N, C-alpha and C. Protein backbone atom coordinates (compact mmCIF):
# COMPACT_ATOMS: atom_id res chain seq x y z
N MET A 1 36.22 -27.26 -32.14
CA MET A 1 36.51 -28.42 -32.96
C MET A 1 37.36 -29.38 -32.14
N LEU A 2 37.28 -30.64 -32.47
CA LEU A 2 38.06 -31.66 -31.78
C LEU A 2 39.45 -31.76 -32.40
N ILE A 3 40.35 -32.44 -31.73
CA ILE A 3 41.75 -32.50 -32.16
C ILE A 3 41.88 -33.16 -33.54
N GLY A 4 41.04 -34.14 -33.85
CA GLY A 4 41.11 -34.78 -35.17
C GLY A 4 40.79 -33.80 -36.29
N GLU A 5 39.81 -32.95 -36.07
CA GLU A 5 39.44 -31.94 -37.07
C GLU A 5 40.56 -30.93 -37.24
N LEU A 6 41.15 -30.48 -36.12
CA LEU A 6 42.27 -29.54 -36.19
C LEU A 6 43.45 -30.18 -36.93
N SER A 7 43.69 -31.42 -36.67
CA SER A 7 44.75 -32.14 -37.36
C SER A 7 44.50 -32.19 -38.86
N ARG A 8 43.28 -32.52 -39.25
CA ARG A 8 42.94 -32.58 -40.68
C ARG A 8 43.08 -31.21 -41.35
N ARG A 9 42.65 -30.17 -40.66
CA ARG A 9 42.65 -28.83 -41.27
C ARG A 9 44.04 -28.22 -41.36
N THR A 10 44.95 -28.66 -40.51
CA THR A 10 46.30 -28.08 -40.50
C THR A 10 47.37 -29.01 -41.06
N GLY A 11 47.05 -30.30 -41.17
CA GLY A 11 48.05 -31.27 -41.63
C GLY A 11 49.07 -31.61 -40.55
N VAL A 12 48.78 -31.28 -39.31
CA VAL A 12 49.67 -31.55 -38.18
C VAL A 12 49.07 -32.69 -37.37
N SER A 13 49.89 -33.65 -36.99
CA SER A 13 49.39 -34.82 -36.27
C SER A 13 48.79 -34.43 -34.92
N ALA A 14 47.87 -35.24 -34.44
CA ALA A 14 47.26 -35.00 -33.13
C ALA A 14 48.33 -35.05 -32.04
N ARG A 15 49.28 -35.92 -32.20
CA ARG A 15 50.36 -36.01 -31.21
C ARG A 15 51.13 -34.69 -31.11
N LEU A 16 51.43 -34.11 -32.26
CA LEU A 16 52.15 -32.84 -32.28
C LEU A 16 51.28 -31.71 -31.73
N LEU A 17 50.00 -31.75 -32.00
CA LEU A 17 49.09 -30.74 -31.44
C LEU A 17 49.05 -30.83 -29.92
N ARG A 18 49.07 -32.04 -29.38
CA ARG A 18 49.12 -32.19 -27.92
C ARG A 18 50.43 -31.64 -27.37
N TYR A 19 51.52 -31.83 -28.11
CA TYR A 19 52.82 -31.28 -27.71
C TYR A 19 52.76 -29.75 -27.69
N TYR A 20 52.19 -29.16 -28.73
CA TYR A 20 52.06 -27.70 -28.76
C TYR A 20 51.25 -27.22 -27.56
N GLU A 21 50.21 -27.93 -27.23
CA GLU A 21 49.41 -27.57 -26.07
C GLU A 21 50.26 -27.64 -24.79
N ALA A 22 51.02 -28.72 -24.63
CA ALA A 22 51.86 -28.90 -23.44
C ALA A 22 52.94 -27.81 -23.35
N GLN A 23 53.39 -27.30 -24.50
CA GLN A 23 54.41 -26.25 -24.53
C GLN A 23 53.82 -24.86 -24.33
N GLY A 24 52.51 -24.77 -24.21
CA GLY A 24 51.86 -23.48 -24.01
C GLY A 24 51.67 -22.68 -25.29
N LEU A 25 51.71 -23.37 -26.43
CA LEU A 25 51.58 -22.69 -27.71
C LEU A 25 50.15 -22.70 -28.24
N LEU A 26 49.33 -23.57 -27.70
CA LEU A 26 47.99 -23.79 -28.23
C LEU A 26 47.02 -23.91 -27.07
N ASP A 27 45.99 -23.08 -27.10
CA ASP A 27 44.97 -23.10 -26.04
C ASP A 27 43.89 -24.10 -26.38
N THR A 28 43.39 -24.74 -25.36
CA THR A 28 42.31 -25.70 -25.53
C THR A 28 41.46 -25.73 -24.27
N SER A 29 40.27 -26.22 -24.42
CA SER A 29 39.40 -26.44 -23.27
C SER A 29 38.97 -27.90 -23.33
N ARG A 30 38.33 -28.34 -22.30
CA ARG A 30 37.84 -29.72 -22.26
C ARG A 30 36.32 -29.71 -22.22
N GLY A 31 35.73 -30.54 -23.06
CA GLY A 31 34.28 -30.68 -23.06
C GLY A 31 33.85 -31.57 -21.91
N PRO A 32 32.56 -31.73 -21.71
CA PRO A 32 32.04 -32.58 -20.64
C PRO A 32 32.53 -34.03 -20.75
N ASN A 33 32.83 -34.44 -21.98
CA ASN A 33 33.33 -35.80 -22.20
C ASN A 33 34.84 -35.91 -21.99
N GLY A 34 35.51 -34.79 -21.67
CA GLY A 34 36.95 -34.79 -21.44
C GLY A 34 37.78 -34.59 -22.69
N TYR A 35 37.15 -34.52 -23.86
CA TYR A 35 37.88 -34.32 -25.11
C TYR A 35 38.35 -32.87 -25.22
N ARG A 36 39.52 -32.71 -25.85
CA ARG A 36 40.02 -31.36 -26.13
C ARG A 36 39.12 -30.69 -27.15
N GLN A 37 38.84 -29.42 -26.90
CA GLN A 37 38.07 -28.63 -27.85
C GLN A 37 38.86 -27.37 -28.18
N PHE A 38 39.01 -27.10 -29.46
CA PHE A 38 39.79 -25.97 -29.93
C PHE A 38 38.87 -24.95 -30.59
N ASP A 39 39.20 -23.68 -30.40
CA ASP A 39 38.48 -22.61 -31.08
C ASP A 39 38.90 -22.57 -32.55
N GLU A 40 38.14 -21.86 -33.35
CA GLU A 40 38.45 -21.69 -34.77
C GLU A 40 39.83 -21.04 -34.95
N ASP A 41 40.23 -20.17 -34.02
CA ASP A 41 41.53 -19.49 -34.09
C ASP A 41 42.70 -20.46 -34.02
N ALA A 42 42.48 -21.67 -33.54
CA ALA A 42 43.56 -22.64 -33.39
C ALA A 42 44.20 -22.99 -34.73
N VAL A 43 43.43 -22.96 -35.81
CA VAL A 43 43.98 -23.26 -37.13
C VAL A 43 45.07 -22.26 -37.48
N VAL A 44 44.79 -20.98 -37.29
CA VAL A 44 45.78 -19.94 -37.58
C VAL A 44 46.97 -20.07 -36.64
N THR A 45 46.71 -20.34 -35.36
CA THR A 45 47.80 -20.47 -34.39
C THR A 45 48.74 -21.60 -34.78
N VAL A 46 48.20 -22.74 -35.18
CA VAL A 46 49.05 -23.87 -35.59
C VAL A 46 49.87 -23.49 -36.81
N ARG A 47 49.27 -22.79 -37.75
CA ARG A 47 50.03 -22.37 -38.94
C ARG A 47 51.12 -21.36 -38.58
N GLN A 48 50.84 -20.50 -37.61
CA GLN A 48 51.87 -19.56 -37.14
C GLN A 48 53.02 -20.33 -36.49
N VAL A 49 52.69 -21.27 -35.63
CA VAL A 49 53.72 -22.07 -34.96
C VAL A 49 54.58 -22.78 -35.99
N ARG A 50 53.97 -23.39 -36.99
CA ARG A 50 54.73 -24.10 -38.02
C ARG A 50 55.66 -23.15 -38.77
N ALA A 51 55.18 -21.95 -39.10
CA ALA A 51 56.01 -20.97 -39.81
C ALA A 51 57.18 -20.53 -38.94
N LEU A 52 56.93 -20.32 -37.67
CA LEU A 52 58.00 -19.89 -36.76
C LEU A 52 59.00 -21.02 -36.51
N LEU A 53 58.54 -22.25 -36.47
CA LEU A 53 59.46 -23.39 -36.35
C LEU A 53 60.34 -23.48 -37.59
N ARG A 54 59.75 -23.26 -38.78
CA ARG A 54 60.54 -23.28 -40.02
C ARG A 54 61.61 -22.19 -40.01
N ALA A 55 61.34 -21.10 -39.28
CA ALA A 55 62.33 -20.02 -39.17
C ALA A 55 63.43 -20.38 -38.18
N GLY A 56 63.32 -21.56 -37.56
CA GLY A 56 64.38 -22.02 -36.68
C GLY A 56 64.21 -21.64 -35.22
N LEU A 57 63.05 -21.13 -34.85
CA LEU A 57 62.83 -20.72 -33.47
C LEU A 57 62.44 -21.92 -32.62
N SER A 58 62.84 -21.89 -31.36
CA SER A 58 62.45 -22.93 -30.41
C SER A 58 61.03 -22.67 -29.93
N THR A 59 60.41 -23.69 -29.36
CA THR A 59 59.06 -23.50 -28.84
C THR A 59 59.04 -22.49 -27.71
N GLU A 60 60.13 -22.40 -26.97
CA GLU A 60 60.21 -21.41 -25.89
C GLU A 60 60.17 -19.99 -26.45
N VAL A 61 60.91 -19.75 -27.51
CA VAL A 61 60.91 -18.43 -28.14
C VAL A 61 59.56 -18.18 -28.81
N ILE A 62 59.01 -19.20 -29.46
CA ILE A 62 57.72 -19.04 -30.12
C ILE A 62 56.65 -18.63 -29.12
N ARG A 63 56.71 -19.17 -27.91
CA ARG A 63 55.74 -18.79 -26.88
C ARG A 63 55.78 -17.28 -26.63
N SER A 64 56.95 -16.66 -26.74
CA SER A 64 57.09 -15.21 -26.57
C SER A 64 56.61 -14.45 -27.80
N VAL A 65 56.75 -15.06 -28.97
CA VAL A 65 56.43 -14.39 -30.23
C VAL A 65 54.93 -14.44 -30.53
N LEU A 66 54.27 -15.55 -30.20
CA LEU A 66 52.86 -15.74 -30.59
C LEU A 66 51.92 -14.60 -30.22
N PRO A 67 52.04 -13.99 -29.03
CA PRO A 67 51.12 -12.90 -28.73
C PRO A 67 51.24 -11.72 -29.70
N CYS A 68 52.37 -11.62 -30.39
CA CYS A 68 52.60 -10.51 -31.32
C CYS A 68 52.37 -10.93 -32.77
N ALA A 69 52.03 -12.19 -33.01
CA ALA A 69 51.86 -12.71 -34.37
C ALA A 69 50.45 -12.43 -34.87
N ARG A 70 50.36 -12.01 -36.13
CA ARG A 70 49.08 -11.73 -36.77
C ARG A 70 49.06 -12.42 -38.12
N GLY A 71 48.03 -13.19 -38.38
CA GLY A 71 47.89 -13.86 -39.67
C GLY A 71 48.72 -15.12 -39.75
N GLU A 72 48.52 -15.87 -40.82
CA GLU A 72 49.17 -17.16 -40.97
C GLU A 72 50.64 -17.09 -41.33
N ARG A 73 51.10 -16.01 -41.92
CA ARG A 73 52.51 -15.92 -42.36
C ARG A 73 53.49 -16.13 -41.25
N PRO A 74 53.55 -15.70 -40.12
CA PRO A 74 52.75 -14.60 -39.56
C PRO A 74 53.45 -13.26 -39.73
N ASP A 75 52.67 -12.21 -39.65
CA ASP A 75 53.21 -10.86 -39.54
C ASP A 75 53.39 -10.59 -38.05
N ILE A 76 54.39 -9.79 -37.72
CA ILE A 76 54.71 -9.56 -36.31
C ILE A 76 54.43 -8.11 -35.95
N GLU A 77 53.76 -7.90 -34.83
CA GLU A 77 53.62 -6.57 -34.25
C GLU A 77 54.84 -6.38 -33.36
N TRP A 78 55.69 -5.45 -33.72
CA TRP A 78 56.99 -5.32 -33.05
C TRP A 78 56.91 -4.53 -31.77
N CYS A 79 57.69 -4.99 -30.81
CA CYS A 79 57.95 -4.26 -29.58
C CYS A 79 59.44 -4.46 -29.29
N ALA A 80 60.01 -3.62 -28.47
CA ALA A 80 61.45 -3.66 -28.22
C ALA A 80 61.90 -5.01 -27.69
N GLU A 81 61.13 -5.58 -26.77
CA GLU A 81 61.52 -6.85 -26.17
C GLU A 81 61.55 -7.97 -27.21
N LEU A 82 60.55 -8.01 -28.06
CA LEU A 82 60.50 -9.04 -29.09
C LEU A 82 61.63 -8.86 -30.09
N TRP A 83 61.91 -7.64 -30.46
CA TRP A 83 63.00 -7.35 -31.38
C TRP A 83 64.31 -7.88 -30.80
N ASP A 84 64.55 -7.65 -29.51
CA ASP A 84 65.77 -8.13 -28.85
C ASP A 84 65.83 -9.65 -28.84
N ILE A 85 64.71 -10.30 -28.56
CA ILE A 85 64.67 -11.76 -28.52
C ILE A 85 65.04 -12.33 -29.89
N LEU A 86 64.40 -11.82 -30.94
CA LEU A 86 64.65 -12.36 -32.27
C LEU A 86 66.04 -12.03 -32.79
N ASN A 87 66.56 -10.86 -32.44
CA ASN A 87 67.94 -10.54 -32.81
C ASN A 87 68.91 -11.48 -32.10
N GLY A 88 68.63 -11.82 -30.87
CA GLY A 88 69.46 -12.78 -30.14
C GLY A 88 69.42 -14.16 -30.79
N GLU A 89 68.24 -14.57 -31.22
CA GLU A 89 68.11 -15.86 -31.91
C GLU A 89 68.89 -15.85 -33.22
N LEU A 90 68.83 -14.74 -33.94
CA LEU A 90 69.57 -14.63 -35.20
C LEU A 90 71.07 -14.70 -34.95
N ALA A 91 71.55 -14.04 -33.92
CA ALA A 91 72.97 -14.08 -33.58
C ALA A 91 73.40 -15.50 -33.21
N THR A 92 72.56 -16.20 -32.48
CA THR A 92 72.87 -17.58 -32.10
C THR A 92 72.94 -18.48 -33.33
N MET A 93 72.00 -18.29 -34.28
CA MET A 93 72.03 -19.06 -35.52
C MET A 93 73.30 -18.77 -36.31
N ASP A 94 73.67 -17.49 -36.40
CA ASP A 94 74.90 -17.12 -37.12
C ASP A 94 76.11 -17.80 -36.50
N GLN A 95 76.17 -17.85 -35.19
CA GLN A 95 77.29 -18.49 -34.49
C GLN A 95 77.32 -19.99 -34.78
N ARG A 96 76.15 -20.63 -34.74
CA ARG A 96 76.08 -22.06 -35.04
C ARG A 96 76.51 -22.33 -36.48
N MET A 97 76.11 -21.44 -37.40
CA MET A 97 76.50 -21.62 -38.80
C MET A 97 78.02 -21.50 -38.96
N ASP A 98 78.63 -20.54 -38.26
CA ASP A 98 80.08 -20.39 -38.30
C ASP A 98 80.77 -21.63 -37.77
N GLU A 99 80.25 -22.18 -36.67
CA GLU A 99 80.84 -23.38 -36.08
C GLU A 99 80.69 -24.58 -37.03
N LEU A 100 79.53 -24.70 -37.66
CA LEU A 100 79.33 -25.79 -38.62
C LEU A 100 80.25 -25.64 -39.83
N GLN A 101 80.42 -24.42 -40.30
CA GLN A 101 81.31 -24.19 -41.44
C GLN A 101 82.74 -24.58 -41.07
N SER A 102 83.17 -24.25 -39.87
CA SER A 102 84.50 -24.62 -39.40
C SER A 102 84.65 -26.13 -39.34
N SER A 103 83.64 -26.81 -38.81
CA SER A 103 83.68 -28.27 -38.74
C SER A 103 83.69 -28.88 -40.14
N ARG A 104 82.90 -28.30 -41.03
CA ARG A 104 82.86 -28.80 -42.40
C ARG A 104 84.21 -28.65 -43.08
N ASP A 105 84.84 -27.48 -42.88
CA ASP A 105 86.15 -27.23 -43.47
C ASP A 105 87.18 -28.23 -42.95
N ALA A 106 87.11 -28.51 -41.64
CA ALA A 106 88.04 -29.48 -41.05
C ALA A 106 87.83 -30.87 -41.64
N LEU A 107 86.58 -31.28 -41.79
CA LEU A 107 86.27 -32.58 -42.35
C LEU A 107 86.70 -32.65 -43.82
N ALA A 108 86.42 -31.61 -44.57
CA ALA A 108 86.82 -31.57 -45.98
C ALA A 108 88.34 -31.67 -46.09
N GLY A 109 89.04 -31.02 -45.16
CA GLY A 109 90.49 -31.09 -45.17
C GLY A 109 91.00 -32.51 -44.95
N LEU A 110 90.32 -33.25 -44.09
CA LEU A 110 90.69 -34.64 -43.86
C LEU A 110 90.50 -35.50 -45.11
N LEU A 111 89.45 -35.18 -45.86
CA LEU A 111 89.16 -35.97 -47.05
C LEU A 111 90.09 -35.67 -48.22
N THR A 112 90.75 -34.54 -48.21
CA THR A 112 91.65 -34.20 -49.31
C THR A 112 93.06 -34.73 -49.10
N ARG A 113 93.34 -35.23 -47.91
CA ARG A 113 94.69 -35.76 -47.63
C ARG A 113 94.79 -37.17 -48.19
N PRO A 114 95.97 -37.53 -48.77
CA PRO A 114 96.15 -38.87 -49.34
C PRO A 114 96.22 -39.95 -48.28
């Protein structure tokens, strides 16, 4: 399928699909006319990428996760390396949340002063 069809079927802009391709998240081939051609599996891959982005993962981490992703949710086939990567991402998110809470508390404190 061409990029316009993939965009229509996934609700993701062609520009973003090209970005996913550049990041190594989406495989494509080129037809004789030079247009990108995507396999039917690309629809599921795009939905997996979107779900993993919603989970707060970077495209770099998603590139490591995709080979283990199954289905649109996606479900993950676990291996020790992937478990370590995702636990590291979770720890980083927890740290960022703590830092944001601290900043929020400091700002709130400024607003309560006369």
